[in-house]
Protein backbone atom coordinates (compact mmCIF):
# COMPACT_ATOMS: atom_id res chain seq x y z
CA MET A 1 18.36 22.28 66.47
CA ALA A 2 16.06 21.54 63.59
CA LEU A 3 16.66 22.45 59.97
CA ILE A 4 14.01 24.34 58.03
CA PRO A 5 12.59 22.14 55.24
CA LYS A 6 13.50 23.28 51.72
CA ASP A 7 9.86 23.86 50.69
CA PHE A 8 9.32 26.36 53.53
CA VAL A 9 9.49 30.12 52.93
CA ASN A 10 10.06 33.13 55.16
CA TYR A 11 6.60 34.66 55.49
CA LYS A 12 7.19 37.13 58.32
CA SER A 13 10.01 38.69 60.35
CA THR A 14 9.97 40.70 63.55
CA PRO A 15 11.53 44.09 64.00
CA ILE A 16 14.94 44.15 65.67
CA PHE A 17 14.60 43.61 69.42
CA SER A 18 16.92 44.88 72.16
CA HIS A 19 16.68 44.98 75.97
CA ASP A 20 14.41 48.02 75.63
CA SER A 21 12.09 46.60 72.97
CA VAL A 22 11.97 42.81 73.41
CA HIS A 23 8.45 41.45 73.84
CA LYS A 24 8.21 40.09 77.38
CA MET A 25 6.51 36.94 76.04
CA LEU A 26 9.81 35.93 74.41
CA LEU A 27 11.53 35.94 77.80
CA HIS A 28 9.06 33.37 79.18
CA MET A 29 8.15 29.88 77.99
CA HIS A 30 6.10 29.95 74.79
CA ASN A 31 5.90 27.79 71.70
CA THR A 32 5.97 28.20 67.95
CA LYS A 33 2.71 27.65 66.06
CA ALA A 34 1.98 24.33 64.38
CA GLY A 35 3.61 24.28 60.94
CA VAL A 36 5.94 27.18 61.73
CA TYR A 37 9.71 27.25 62.25
CA GLY A 38 11.30 30.24 63.94
CA GLN A 39 14.85 31.30 63.10
CA ILE A 40 16.48 33.51 65.72
CA GLN A 41 19.11 35.80 64.21
CA VAL A 42 21.43 37.54 66.67
CA LEU A 43 22.73 40.81 65.20
CA ALA A 44 24.75 42.04 68.19
CA GLY A 45 25.75 40.74 71.58
CA GLN A 46 24.72 37.31 72.79
CA LEU A 47 21.46 35.49 73.47
CA THR A 48 20.74 32.16 75.16
CA PHE A 49 17.97 29.95 73.77
CA TYR A 50 16.37 27.53 76.23
CA GLY A 51 14.29 24.65 74.85
CA PHE A 52 11.94 22.53 76.96
CA THR A 53 10.51 19.03 76.61
CA ASP A 54 6.94 20.39 76.88
CA ARG A 55 4.93 23.20 78.46
CA ARG A 56 5.87 22.24 81.99
CA GLY A 57 8.85 20.16 80.93
CA GLU A 58 12.44 19.94 81.87
CA LEU A 59 15.19 21.82 80.11
CA ASP A 60 15.86 20.02 76.83
CA LYS A 61 18.61 22.24 75.43
CA GLN A 62 20.46 25.44 76.12
CA ILE A 63 22.19 27.14 73.20
CA VAL A 64 24.29 30.31 73.28
CA ILE A 65 23.85 32.30 70.08
CA ASN A 66 26.47 34.95 69.34
CA ALA A 67 26.31 37.95 67.00
CA GLY A 68 26.21 36.75 63.40
CA GLU A 69 24.74 33.35 64.31
CA THR A 70 21.26 31.86 64.04
CA ALA A 71 19.34 29.03 65.65
CA ILE A 72 16.10 27.28 64.67
CA SER A 73 13.07 26.43 66.80
CA HIS A 74 10.85 23.77 65.25
CA PRO A 75 7.01 23.89 65.25
CA GLU A 76 5.25 23.64 68.62
CA TYR A 77 8.54 23.59 70.53
CA TRP A 78 8.46 25.22 73.98
CA HIS A 79 11.26 27.72 74.49
CA LYS A 80 12.36 31.11 75.80
CA VAL A 81 15.29 33.44 75.28
CA GLU A 82 17.57 35.42 77.57
CA LEU A 83 19.54 38.45 76.38
CA MET A 84 23.05 37.97 77.78
CA THR A 85 24.71 41.33 77.03
CA ASP A 86 23.55 44.93 77.25
CA ASP A 87 24.04 45.41 73.51
CA THR A 88 22.11 42.28 72.41
CA GLU A 89 19.96 42.79 69.32
CA PHE A 90 18.05 40.06 67.52
CA ARG A 91 15.14 39.37 65.23
CA ILE A 92 13.04 36.32 64.44
CA HIS A 93 12.20 35.06 60.96
CA PHE A 94 9.17 32.77 60.63
CA TYR A 95 8.95 30.03 58.01
CA ALA A 96 6.01 27.90 56.84
CA GLN A 97 5.38 25.52 53.95
CA LYS A 98 5.11 27.64 50.81
CA ASP A 99 1.61 26.39 49.89
CA SER A 100 0.24 26.56 53.45
CA GLU A 101 -2.70 28.58 54.71
CA ILE A 102 -0.29 30.45 57.02
CA VAL A 103 1.67 31.82 54.05
CA ALA A 104 -1.50 32.51 52.01
CA GLN A 105 -3.00 34.47 54.91
CA GLN A 106 0.15 36.54 55.38
CA GLN A 107 0.27 37.34 51.65
CA SER A 108 -3.37 38.43 51.64
CA GLU A 109 -2.73 40.72 54.61
CA ARG A 110 0.14 42.35 52.70
CA ASN A 111 -2.11 42.95 49.69
CA GLU A 112 -4.81 44.77 51.66
């Protein structure tokens, strides 16, 4: 998987998701916004990350992420996740270039 560039910063993180709280969108093919890397952090259990060549593409990669591990999804990459154990918990951290409009917008929302 991709590495997050050094001049990118964490501008937003999700709450912790479990089987009961995971957004259904994450379980189906979706992509990360342009200019944004997503870091999936598995806190408990096990999750499988599926990456695709494009919106209707073939499976590009399948990565099992165990508790205590992370994986990165690069910008505009089509993917989905599958929670593999009943106790799976995870969160997603989003990163963008520190001087980007994405980060500036998020900071202005925090200040309001």
